[in-house]
Amino acid sequence: MGTPSYILPNGKRFDSLHLDELYPDRESKDEAGQRYQKMHEQYWNSSDRMLKGPLDRVQLDLSEMLLLSALIYWDFGITNQSEECIETCQQMRKIVIEELADYEKSKLPHGDHSFRIMEIVGILQCIHKASYVIKECGLVVKIYGLNGKDCPLYEISDG
């Protein structure tokens, strides 16, 4: 397993060993520059531990990723959703989970596919936790005015 690497929203790639390349004043040896980098480093380490690592371990194929995306889309836990919306989301998630079960059965017709389904559904919890951390880190970035040249945290709204 190599060094964790990331793709930014602008399409650039970088690895976690070169975090300093993301920030505009990376040549600075002053305390503020070091603190700036240290705060961002926590975000990337959390991202790797909470989301990227589990996703890498599960190794989703394209169909599984699409079905996982559908489960995320039909989230019924969003604040201020109407009862009708919650009901629709629950119905759609049931259909998506049935599709996932059918897909996994087709891949492994004579075996136990339940563990694989639980692995995939378990990723939802990782995504939920990572989403919370991303929002918190984004808020810290805004509070301290830490806007690195390619840092996606600066773009994240706190609302």
C-alpha atoms as a PDB file:
ATOM      1  CA  MET A   1       0.000   0.000   0.000  1.00  0.00           C
ATOM      2  CA  GLY A   2       1.494   3.315  -1.053  1.00  0.00           C
ATOM      3  CA  THR A   3       1.262   6.825   0.247  1.00  0.00           C
ATOM      4  CA  PRO A   4      -2.304   8.136   0.551  1.00  0.00           C
ATOM      5  CA  SER A   5      -3.042  10.436  -2.374  1.00  0.00           C
ATOM      6  CA  TYR A   6      -5.914  12.806  -3.026  1.00  0.00           C
ATOM      7  CA  ILE A   7      -7.597  14.488  -5.968  1.00  0.00           C
ATOM      8  CA  LEU A   8      -8.723  18.052  -5.319  1.00  0.00           C
ATOM      9  CA  PRO A   9     -11.892  19.583  -6.811  1.00  0.00           C
ATOM     10  CA  ASN A  10      -9.731  21.380  -9.382  1.00  0.00           C
ATOM     11  CA  GLY A  11      -8.332  18.020 -10.590  1.00  0.00           C
ATOM     12  CA  LYS A  12      -4.861  18.362  -9.079  1.00  0.00           C
ATOM     13  CA  ARG A  13      -3.387  15.357  -7.290  1.00  0.00           C
ATOM     14  CA  PHE A  14      -1.127  15.307  -4.256  1.00  0.00           C
ATOM     15  CA  ASP A  15      -0.009  12.838  -1.626  1.00  0.00           C
ATOM     16  CA  SER A  16      -0.137  13.271   2.127  1.00  0.00           C
ATOM     17  CA  LEU A  17       3.658  13.413   2.412  1.00  0.00           C
ATOM     18  CA  HIS A  18       3.656  16.679   0.467  1.00  0.00           C
ATOM     19  CA  LEU A  19       0.929  18.634   2.260  1.00  0.00           C
ATOM     20  CA  ASP A  20       3.177  21.675   2.389  1.00  0.00           C
ATOM     21  CA  GLU A  21       2.816  22.066  -1.389  1.00  0.00           C
ATOM     22  CA  LEU A  22      -0.851  23.016  -0.947  1.00  0.00           C
ATOM     23  CA  TYR A  23      -0.164  26.223   0.900  1.00  0.00           C
ATOM     24  CA  PRO A  24       0.909  29.581  -0.544  1.00  0.00           C
ATOM     25  CA  ASP A  25       3.649  30.468   1.955  1.00  0.00           C
ATOM     26  CA  ARG A  26       5.297  27.078   2.224  1.00  0.00           C
ATOM     27  CA  GLU A  27       8.805  28.529   2.303  1.00  0.00           C
ATOM     28  CA  SER A  28       7.992  30.444   5.464  1.00  0.00           C
ATOM     29  CA  LYS A  29       9.608  29.128   8.604  1.00  0.00           C
ATOM     30  CA  ASP A  30       7.640  31.404  10.908  1.00  0.00           C
ATOM     31  CA  GLU A  31       5.354  30.120  13.633  1.00  0.00           C
ATOM     32  CA  ALA A  32       2.160  31.252  11.878  1.00  0.00           C
ATOM     33  CA  GLY A  33       3.037  29.311   8.716  1.00  0.00           C
ATOM     34  CA  GLN A  34       3.803  26.179  10.698  1.00  0.00           C
ATOM     35  CA  ARG A  35       0.557  26.499  12.663  1.00  0.00           C
ATOM     36  CA  TYR A  36      -1.335  26.999   9.402  1.00  0.00           C
ATOM     37  CA  GLN A  37       0.071  23.802   7.939  1.00  0.00           C
ATOM     38  CA  LYS A  38      -0.443  21.848  11.169  1.00  0.00           C
ATOM     39  CA  MET A  39      -4.136  22.773  11.298  1.00  0.00           C
ATOM     40  CA  HIS A  40      -4.691  21.625   7.711  1.00  0.00           C
ATOM     41  CA  GLU A  41      -2.685  18.467   8.274  1.00  0.00           C
ATOM     42  CA  GLN A  42      -5.267  17.368  10.856  1.00  0.00           C
ATOM     43  CA  TYR A  43      -7.958  17.546   8.186  1.00  0.00           C
ATOM     44  CA  TRP A  44      -6.052  15.385   5.708  1.00  0.00           C
ATOM     45  CA  ASN A  45      -5.135  12.831   8.368  1.00  0.00           C
ATOM     46  CA  SER A  46      -8.762  12.651   9.531  1.00  0.00           C
ATOM     47  CA  SER A  47      -9.946  12.288   5.960  1.00  0.00           C
ATOM     48  CA  ASP A  48      -7.583   9.389   5.375  1.00  0.00           C
ATOM     49  CA  ARG A  49      -8.474   7.641   8.624  1.00  0.00           C
ATOM     50  CA  MET A  50     -12.239   8.159   8.507  1.00  0.00           C
ATOM     51  CA  LEU A  51     -13.129   7.920   4.827  1.00  0.00           C
ATOM     52  CA  LYS A  52     -10.381   7.208   2.332  1.00  0.00           C
ATOM     53  CA  GLY A  53      -8.930   4.266   4.268  1.00  0.00           C
ATOM     54  CA  PRO A  54     -12.264   2.454   4.727  1.00  0.00           C
ATOM     55  CA  LEU A  55     -13.199   3.077   1.083  1.00  0.00           C
ATOM     56  CA  ASP A  56      -9.848   1.690  -0.066  1.00  0.00           C
ATOM     57  CA  ARG A  57     -10.300  -1.427   2.085  1.00  0.00           C
ATOM     58  CA  VAL A  58     -13.815  -2.164   0.803  1.00  0.00           C
ATOM     59  CA  GLN A  59     -12.783  -1.826  -2.879  1.00  0.00           C
ATOM     60  CA  LEU A  60     -16.182  -0.945  -4.343  1.00  0.00           C
ATOM     61  CA  ASP A  61     -16.801  -1.765  -7.974  1.00  0.00           C
ATOM     62  CA  LEU A  62     -18.702   0.717 -10.164  1.00  0.00           C
ATOM     63  CA  SER A  63     -22.140  -0.786  -9.519  1.00  0.00           C
ATOM     64  CA  GLU A  64     -21.562  -0.842  -5.766  1.00  0.00           C
ATOM     65  CA  MET A  65     -20.363   2.771  -5.854  1.00  0.00           C
ATOM     66  CA  LEU A  66     -23.469   3.791  -7.786  1.00  0.00           C
ATOM     67  CA  LEU A  67     -25.752   2.025  -5.312  1.00  0.00           C
ATOM     68  CA  LEU A  68     -23.866   3.569  -2.369  1.00  0.00           C
ATOM     69  CA  SER A  69     -24.275   6.983  -4.008  1.00  0.00           C
ATOM     70  CA  ALA A  70     -28.016   6.347  -4.305  1.00  0.00           C
ATOM     71  CA  LEU A  71     -28.169   5.532  -0.582  1.00  0.00           C
ATOM     72  CA  ILE A  72     -26.402   8.812   0.158  1.00  0.00           C
ATOM     73  CA  TYR A  73     -28.741  10.717  -2.156  1.00  0.00           C
ATOM     74  CA  TRP A  74     -31.843   9.305  -0.468  1.00  0.00           C
ATOM     75  CA  ASP A  75     -30.723  10.357   3.019  1.00  0.00           C
ATOM     76  CA  PHE A  76     -33.710  10.796   5.321  1.00  0.00           C
ATOM     77  CA  GLY A  77     -31.744  12.329   8.193  1.00  0.00           C
ATOM     78  CA  ILE A  78     -31.305  15.816   6.792  1.00  0.00           C
ATOM     79  CA  THR A  79     -32.469  18.668   9.028  1.00  0.00           C
ATOM     80  CA  ASN A  80     -35.859  20.222   8.225  1.00  0.00           C
ATOM     81  CA  GLN A  81     -37.004  17.511   5.798  1.00  0.00           C
ATOM     82  CA  SER A  82     -40.758  17.170   5.486  1.00  0.00           C
ATOM     83  CA  GLU A  83     -42.481  13.972   6.577  1.00  0.00           C
ATOM     84  CA  GLU A  84     -43.364  13.301   2.948  1.00  0.00           C
ATOM     85  CA  CYS A  85     -39.727  13.644   1.923  1.00  0.00           C
ATOM     86  CA  ILE A  86     -38.584  11.336   4.736  1.00  0.00           C
ATOM     87  CA  GLU A  87     -41.136   8.718   3.693  1.00  0.00           C
ATOM     88  CA  THR A  88     -40.057   8.927   0.041  1.00  0.00           C
ATOM     89  CA  CYS A  89     -36.394   8.620   1.021  1.00  0.00           C
ATOM     90  CA  GLN A  90     -37.093   5.565   3.172  1.00  0.00           C
ATOM     91  CA  GLN A  91     -39.014   3.894   0.343  1.00  0.00           C
ATOM     92  CA  MET A  92     -36.259   4.628  -2.165  1.00  0.00           C
ATOM     93  CA  ARG A  93     -33.530   3.406   0.189  1.00  0.00           C
ATOM     94  CA  LYS A  94     -35.413   0.148   0.628  1.00  0.00           C
ATOM     95  CA  ILE A  95     -35.451  -0.284  -3.158  1.00  0.00           C
ATOM     96  CA  VAL A  96     -31.739   0.561  -3.419  1.00  0.00           C
ATOM     97  CA  ILE A  97     -30.828  -1.937  -0.688  1.00  0.00           C
ATOM     98  CA  GLU A  98     -32.884  -4.608  -2.468  1.00  0.00           C
ATOM     99  CA  GLU A  99     -31.002  -3.799  -5.687  1.00  0.00           C
ATOM    100  CA  LEU A 100     -27.709  -4.040  -3.821  1.00  0.00           C
ATOM    101  CA  ALA A 101     -28.687  -7.434  -2.393  1.00  0.00           C
ATOM    102  CA  ASP A 102     -29.702  -8.689  -5.848  1.00  0.00           C
ATOM    103  CA  TYR A 103     -26.451  -7.422  -7.333  1.00  0.00           C
ATOM    104  CA  GLU A 104     -24.335  -9.103  -4.654  1.00  0.00           C
ATOM    105  CA  LYS A 105     -26.322 -12.347  -5.084  1.00  0.00           C
ATOM    106  CA  SER A 106     -25.589 -12.257  -8.810  1.00  0.00           C
ATOM    107  CA  LYS A 107     -21.861 -11.863  -8.120  1.00  0.00           C
ATOM    108  CA  LEU A 108     -21.808 -14.703  -5.594  1.00  0.00           C
ATOM    109  CA  PRO A 109     -24.800 -16.948  -6.382  1.00  0.00           C
ATOM    110  CA  HIS A 110     -23.882 -19.807  -4.025  1.00  0.00           C
ATOM    111  CA  GLY A 111     -22.171 -17.909  -1.235  1.00  0.00           C
ATOM    112  CA  ASP A 112     -23.054 -15.630   1.640  1.00  0.00           C
ATOM    113  CA  HIS A 113     -23.238 -12.073   0.355  1.00  0.00           C
ATOM    114  CA  SER A 114     -24.596 -10.537   3.580  1.00  0.00           C
ATOM    115  CA  PHE A 115     -21.139  -9.537   4.865  1.00  0.00           C
ATOM    116  CA  ARG A 116     -20.410  -7.648   1.650  1.00  0.00           C
ATOM    117  CA  ILE A 117     -23.725  -5.795   1.890  1.00  0.00           C
ATOM    118  CA  MET A 118     -22.939  -4.791   5.474  1.00  0.00           C
ATOM    119  CA  GLU A 119     -19.460  -3.598   4.427  1.00  0.00           C
ATOM    120  CA  ILE A 120     -20.985  -1.352   1.789  1.00  0.00           C
ATOM    121  CA  VAL A 121     -23.776  -0.036   4.021  1.00  0.00           C
ATOM    122  CA  GLY A 122     -21.174   0.506   6.771  1.00  0.00           C
ATOM    123  CA  ILE A 123     -19.432   3.024   4.530  1.00  0.00           C
ATOM    124  CA  LEU A 124     -22.465   5.288   5.053  1.00  0.00           C
ATOM    125  CA  GLN A 125     -21.420   5.764   8.685  1.00  0.00           C
ATOM    126  CA  CYS A 126     -17.887   6.668   7.576  1.00  0.00           C
ATOM    127  CA  ILE A 127     -19.293   9.226   5.148  1.00  0.00           C
ATOM    128  CA  HIS A 128     -21.523  10.740   7.833  1.00  0.00           C
ATOM    129  CA  LYS A 129     -18.605  11.105  10.272  1.00  0.00           C
ATOM    130  CA  ALA A 130     -16.279  12.484   7.601  1.00  0.00           C
ATOM    131  CA  SER A 131     -18.914  14.997   6.525  1.00  0.00           C
ATOM    132  CA  TYR A 132     -19.156  16.317  10.076  1.00  0.00           C
ATOM    133  CA  VAL A 133     -15.366  16.613  10.393  1.00  0.00           C
ATOM    134  CA  ILE A 134     -15.091  18.356   7.021  1.00  0.00           C
ATOM    135  CA  LYS A 135     -17.675  20.945   8.092  1.00  0.00           C
ATOM    136  CA  GLU A 136     -15.902  21.501  11.420  1.00  0.00           C
ATOM    137  CA  CYS A 137     -12.511  21.860   9.728  1.00  0.00           C
ATOM    138  CA  GLY A 138     -14.043  24.208   7.171  1.00  0.00           C
ATOM    139  CA  LEU A 139     -15.350  26.382   9.987  1.00  0.00           C
ATOM    140  CA  VAL A 140     -11.899  26.500  11.620  1.00  0.00           C
ATOM    141  CA  VAL A 141     -10.369  27.445   8.271  1.00  0.00           C
ATOM    142  CA  LYS A 142     -12.830  30.331   7.918  1.00  0.00           C
ATOM    143  CA  ILE A 143     -12.389  31.522  11.494  1.00  0.00           C
ATOM    144  CA  TYR A 144      -8.618  31.728  11.124  1.00  0.00           C
ATOM    145  CA  GLY A 145      -8.692  32.916   7.509  1.00  0.00           C
ATOM    146  CA  LEU A 146      -6.593  29.971   6.343  1.00  0.00           C
ATOM    147  CA  ASN A 147      -7.186  29.950   2.621  1.00  0.00           C
ATOM    148  CA  GLY A 148      -4.545  27.812   0.957  1.00  0.00           C
ATOM    149  CA  LYS A 149      -4.236  28.103  -2.799  1.00  0.00           C
ATOM    150  CA  ASP A 150      -5.947  24.741  -3.452  1.00  0.00           C
ATOM    151  CA  CYS A 151      -7.453  23.962  -0.081  1.00  0.00           C
ATOM    152  CA  PRO A 152     -11.001  22.641  -0.524  1.00  0.00           C
ATOM    153  CA  LEU A 153     -11.807  23.438   3.109  1.00  0.00           C
ATOM    154  CA  TYR A 154     -12.000  27.132   2.321  1.00  0.00           C
ATOM    155  CA  GLU A 155     -14.855  26.495  -0.106  1.00  0.00           C
ATOM    156  CA  ILE A 156     -16.994  24.582   2.406  1.00  0.00           C
ATOM    157  CA  SER A 157     -19.879  26.552   3.814  1.00  0.00           C
ATOM    158  CA  ASP A 158     -20.760  26.295   7.454  1.00  0.00           C
ATOM    159  CA  GLY A 159     -24.482  26.175   6.739  1.00  0.00           C
END
